[in-house]
Amino acid sequence: MSGMTPYYLSRLAIAVFLVGFLVLMGSPWWIAGPLGLLVVAYFVWVPRSGRFVSSGVVGATPLRRDEWAQTITYRSGLYGFVVLMLSIGAVIVYYGSILGAEVPVTVVSLAGVLGMGTYIVSDVALRRA
């Protein structure tokens, strides 16, 4: 057994639990199955992604973030949060002051997508720098 085997087995158990939970909650198997495969693919990708370093611990939690990765995560989160708050503020001012109407939920959802997109793009850009 390699040092990462307990990690992979624990993550496989998480994916199986997720698929089972989704099926028990009424989700069709043809949605839960591929979603479980995506979760397993993500857990296989994570150790190779460079986002985490191996701490040398054998077990289910061998991955840790070093200071560099934490700094990038915090900075990307800050950028995404600032863009989210500024866009929601602009939407509220526009709909409240200029149009005098209620803010549609879809517009607020788009602001959330903009904030998440900012987080992802800045995370990738900072990791490549």
C-alpha atoms as a PDB file:
ATOM      1  CA  MET A   1       0.000   0.000   0.000  1.00  0.00           C
ATOM      2  CA  SER A   2       1.261   3.419  -0.853  1.00  0.00           C
ATOM      3  CA  GLY A   3       1.019   6.394   1.476  1.00  0.00           C
ATOM      4  CA  MET A   4      -1.896   7.843  -0.494  1.00  0.00           C
ATOM      5  CA  THR A   5      -4.091   4.709  -0.460  1.00  0.00           C
ATOM      6  CA  PRO A   6      -6.011   5.679   2.706  1.00  0.00           C
ATOM      7  CA  TYR A   7      -6.649   9.108   1.169  1.00  0.00           C
ATOM      8  CA  TYR A   8      -8.081   7.607  -2.011  1.00  0.00           C
ATOM      9  CA  LEU A   9     -10.173   5.052  -0.122  1.00  0.00           C
ATOM     10  CA  SER A  10     -11.643   7.704   2.171  1.00  0.00           C
ATOM     11  CA  ARG A  11     -12.455   9.955  -0.787  1.00  0.00           C
ATOM     12  CA  LEU A  12     -14.041   7.037  -2.631  1.00  0.00           C
ATOM     13  CA  ALA A  13     -16.215   6.429   0.437  1.00  0.00           C
ATOM     14  CA  ILE A  14     -17.255  10.101   0.382  1.00  0.00           C
ATOM     15  CA  ALA A  15     -18.230   9.829  -3.296  1.00  0.00           C
ATOM     16  CA  VAL A  16     -20.197   6.616  -2.699  1.00  0.00           C
ATOM     17  CA  PHE A  17     -21.979   8.255   0.237  1.00  0.00           C
ATOM     18  CA  LEU A  18     -22.835  11.277  -1.921  1.00  0.00           C
ATOM     19  CA  VAL A  19     -24.236   9.113  -4.721  1.00  0.00           C
ATOM     20  CA  GLY A  20     -26.223   7.006  -2.266  1.00  0.00           C
ATOM     21  CA  PHE A  21     -27.590  10.106  -0.553  1.00  0.00           C
ATOM     22  CA  LEU A  22     -28.643  11.658  -3.853  1.00  0.00           C
ATOM     23  CA  VAL A  23     -30.387   8.458  -4.958  1.00  0.00           C
ATOM     24  CA  LEU A  24     -32.170   8.125  -1.605  1.00  0.00           C
ATOM     25  CA  MET A  25     -33.323  11.735  -1.874  1.00  0.00           C
ATOM     26  CA  GLY A  26     -34.959  11.018  -5.228  1.00  0.00           C
ATOM     27  CA  SER A  27     -32.295  12.013  -7.738  1.00  0.00           C
ATOM     28  CA  PRO A  28     -32.160   9.767 -10.808  1.00  0.00           C
ATOM     29  CA  TRP A  29     -29.203   7.357 -10.957  1.00  0.00           C
ATOM     30  CA  TRP A  30     -28.143   8.799 -14.319  1.00  0.00           C
ATOM     31  CA  ILE A  31     -27.507  12.140 -12.595  1.00  0.00           C
ATOM     32  CA  ALA A  32     -26.062  10.807  -9.327  1.00  0.00           C
ATOM     33  CA  GLY A  33     -23.671   8.365 -11.045  1.00  0.00           C
ATOM     34  CA  PRO A  34     -21.831  10.868 -13.260  1.00  0.00           C
ATOM     35  CA  LEU A  35     -21.774  13.355 -10.391  1.00  0.00           C
ATOM     36  CA  GLY A  36     -20.080  10.695  -8.247  1.00  0.00           C
ATOM     37  CA  LEU A  37     -17.540  10.108 -11.009  1.00  0.00           C
ATOM     38  CA  LEU A  38     -16.842  13.839 -11.180  1.00  0.00           C
ATOM     39  CA  VAL A  39     -16.280  13.911  -7.415  1.00  0.00           C
ATOM     40  CA  VAL A  40     -13.852  10.971  -7.657  1.00  0.00           C
ATOM     41  CA  ALA A  41     -12.042  12.661 -10.568  1.00  0.00           C
ATOM     42  CA  TYR A  42     -11.725  15.835  -8.486  1.00  0.00           C
ATOM     43  CA  PHE A  43     -10.263  13.918  -5.545  1.00  0.00           C
ATOM     44  CA  VAL A  44      -7.768  12.203  -7.867  1.00  0.00           C
ATOM     45  CA  TRP A  45      -6.811  15.562  -9.398  1.00  0.00           C
ATOM     46  CA  VAL A  46      -6.338  17.449  -6.105  1.00  0.00           C
ATOM     47  CA  PRO A  47      -3.016  15.829  -5.031  1.00  0.00           C
ATOM     48  CA  ARG A  48      -1.578  16.491  -8.483  1.00  0.00           C
ATOM     49  CA  SER A  49      -2.890  20.043  -8.836  1.00  0.00           C
ATOM     50  CA  GLY A  50      -0.207  21.845  -6.851  1.00  0.00           C
ATOM     51  CA  ARG A  51      -2.806  23.474  -4.607  1.00  0.00           C
ATOM     52  CA  PHE A  52      -1.772  21.283  -1.693  1.00  0.00           C
ATOM     53  CA  VAL A  53       1.453  19.715  -0.494  1.00  0.00           C
ATOM     54  CA  SER A  54       1.846  16.323   1.092  1.00  0.00           C
ATOM     55  CA  SER A  55       2.522  16.658   4.785  1.00  0.00           C
ATOM     56  CA  GLY A  56       4.142  13.250   5.020  1.00  0.00           C
ATOM     57  CA  VAL A  57       1.319  11.985   7.209  1.00  0.00           C
ATOM     58  CA  VAL A  58       0.054   8.560   6.254  1.00  0.00           C
ATOM     59  CA  GLY A  59      -3.695   8.384   6.527  1.00  0.00           C
ATOM     60  CA  ALA A  60      -6.846   9.964   5.198  1.00  0.00           C
ATOM     61  CA  THR A  61      -5.585  13.559   5.463  1.00  0.00           C
ATOM     62  CA  PRO A  62      -2.094  13.750   3.929  1.00  0.00           C
ATOM     63  CA  LEU A  63      -2.622  17.050   2.121  1.00  0.00           C
ATOM     64  CA  ARG A  64      -1.960  20.473   3.606  1.00  0.00           C
ATOM     65  CA  ARG A  65      -1.714  23.983   2.238  1.00  0.00           C
ATOM     66  CA  ASP A  66       1.559  25.783   2.663  1.00  0.00           C
ATOM     67  CA  GLU A  67       1.840  29.535   3.310  1.00  0.00           C
ATOM     68  CA  TRP A  68       2.079  30.333  -0.398  1.00  0.00           C
ATOM     69  CA  ALA A  69      -1.157  28.485  -1.203  1.00  0.00           C
ATOM     70  CA  GLN A  70      -2.946  30.040   1.783  1.00  0.00           C
ATOM     71  CA  THR A  71      -1.892  33.532   0.712  1.00  0.00           C
ATOM     72  CA  ILE A  72      -3.184  32.965  -2.813  1.00  0.00           C
ATOM     73  CA  THR A  73      -6.470  31.539  -1.520  1.00  0.00           C
ATOM     74  CA  TYR A  74      -7.002  34.454   0.854  1.00  0.00           C
ATOM     75  CA  ARG A  75      -6.109  37.056  -1.783  1.00  0.00           C
ATOM     76  CA  SER A  76      -8.352  35.447  -4.415  1.00  0.00           C
ATOM     77  CA  GLY A  77     -11.179  35.265  -1.893  1.00  0.00           C
ATOM     78  CA  LEU A  78     -10.711  38.928  -1.103  1.00  0.00           C
ATOM     79  CA  TYR A  79     -10.828  39.878  -4.783  1.00  0.00           C
ATOM     80  CA  GLY A  80     -13.973  37.809  -5.329  1.00  0.00           C
ATOM     81  CA  PHE A  81     -15.653  39.261  -2.242  1.00  0.00           C
ATOM     82  CA  VAL A  82     -14.860  42.845  -3.236  1.00  0.00           C
ATOM     83  CA  VAL A  83     -16.219  42.314  -6.760  1.00  0.00           C
ATOM     84  CA  LEU A  84     -19.337  40.648  -5.321  1.00  0.00           C
ATOM     85  CA  MET A  85     -20.019  43.488  -2.873  1.00  0.00           C
ATOM     86  CA  LEU A  86     -19.378  46.217  -5.446  1.00  0.00           C
ATOM     87  CA  SER A  87     -21.616  44.545  -8.017  1.00  0.00           C
ATOM     88  CA  ILE A  88     -24.434  43.989  -5.511  1.00  0.00           C
ATOM     89  CA  GLY A  89     -24.085  47.590  -4.352  1.00  0.00           C
ATOM     90  CA  ALA A  90     -24.290  48.818  -7.948  1.00  0.00           C
ATOM     91  CA  VAL A  91     -27.349  46.641  -8.595  1.00  0.00           C
ATOM     92  CA  ILE A  92     -29.095  47.938  -5.472  1.00  0.00           C
ATOM     93  CA  VAL A  93     -28.346  51.564  -6.359  1.00  0.00           C
ATOM     94  CA  TYR A  94     -29.483  51.043  -9.952  1.00  0.00           C
ATOM     95  CA  TYR A  95     -32.724  49.269  -9.144  1.00  0.00           C
ATOM     96  CA  GLY A  96     -33.488  51.214  -5.968  1.00  0.00           C
ATOM     97  CA  SER A  97     -32.615  54.766  -6.965  1.00  0.00           C
ATOM     98  CA  ILE A  98     -32.806  54.863 -10.734  1.00  0.00           C
ATOM     99  CA  LEU A  99     -35.562  52.386 -11.615  1.00  0.00           C
ATOM    100  CA  GLY A 100     -37.436  52.431  -8.326  1.00  0.00           C
ATOM    101  CA  ALA A 101     -38.100  48.693  -8.627  1.00  0.00           C
ATOM    102  CA  GLU A 102     -37.292  45.561  -6.682  1.00  0.00           C
ATOM    103  CA  VAL A 103     -34.063  43.772  -7.474  1.00  0.00           C
ATOM    104  CA  PRO A 104     -34.661  40.548  -9.425  1.00  0.00           C
ATOM    105  CA  VAL A 105     -33.150  37.419  -7.947  1.00  0.00           C
ATOM    106  CA  THR A 106     -31.529  36.518 -11.265  1.00  0.00           C
ATOM    107  CA  VAL A 107     -29.523  39.755 -11.237  1.00  0.00           C
ATOM    108  CA  VAL A 108     -28.263  39.019  -7.720  1.00  0.00           C
ATOM    109  CA  SER A 109     -27.400  35.481  -8.874  1.00  0.00           C
ATOM    110  CA  LEU A 110     -25.395  36.934 -11.748  1.00  0.00           C
ATOM    111  CA  ALA A 111     -23.518  39.093  -9.246  1.00  0.00           C
ATOM    112  CA  GLY A 112     -22.678  35.916  -7.326  1.00  0.00           C
ATOM    113  CA  VAL A 113     -21.441  34.255 -10.508  1.00  0.00           C
ATOM    114  CA  LEU A 114     -19.315  37.342 -11.227  1.00  0.00           C
ATOM    115  CA  GLY A 115     -17.765  37.157  -7.745  1.00  0.00           C
ATOM    116  CA  MET A 116     -17.074  33.419  -8.068  1.00  0.00           C
ATOM    117  CA  GLY A 117     -15.607  33.930 -11.527  1.00  0.00           C
ATOM    118  CA  THR A 118     -13.324  36.637 -10.157  1.00  0.00           C
ATOM    119  CA  TYR A 119     -12.167  34.245  -7.429  1.00  0.00           C
ATOM    120  CA  ILE A 120     -11.404  31.464  -9.910  1.00  0.00           C
ATOM    121  CA  VAL A 121      -9.646  33.671 -12.458  1.00  0.00           C
ATOM    122  CA  SER A 122      -7.541  35.446  -9.835  1.00  0.00           C
ATOM    123  CA  ASP A 123      -6.660  32.113  -8.194  1.00  0.00           C
ATOM    124  CA  VAL A 124      -5.412  30.688 -11.487  1.00  0.00           C
ATOM    125  CA  ALA A 125      -3.576  33.908 -12.395  1.00  0.00           C
ATOM    126  CA  LEU A 126      -1.855  34.179  -9.020  1.00  0.00           C
ATOM    127  CA  ARG A 127      -0.763  30.541  -9.089  1.00  0.00           C
ATOM    128  CA  ARG A 128       0.824  30.995 -12.495  1.00  0.00           C
ATOM    129  CA  ALA A 129       2.636  34.181 -11.501  1.00  0.00           C
END
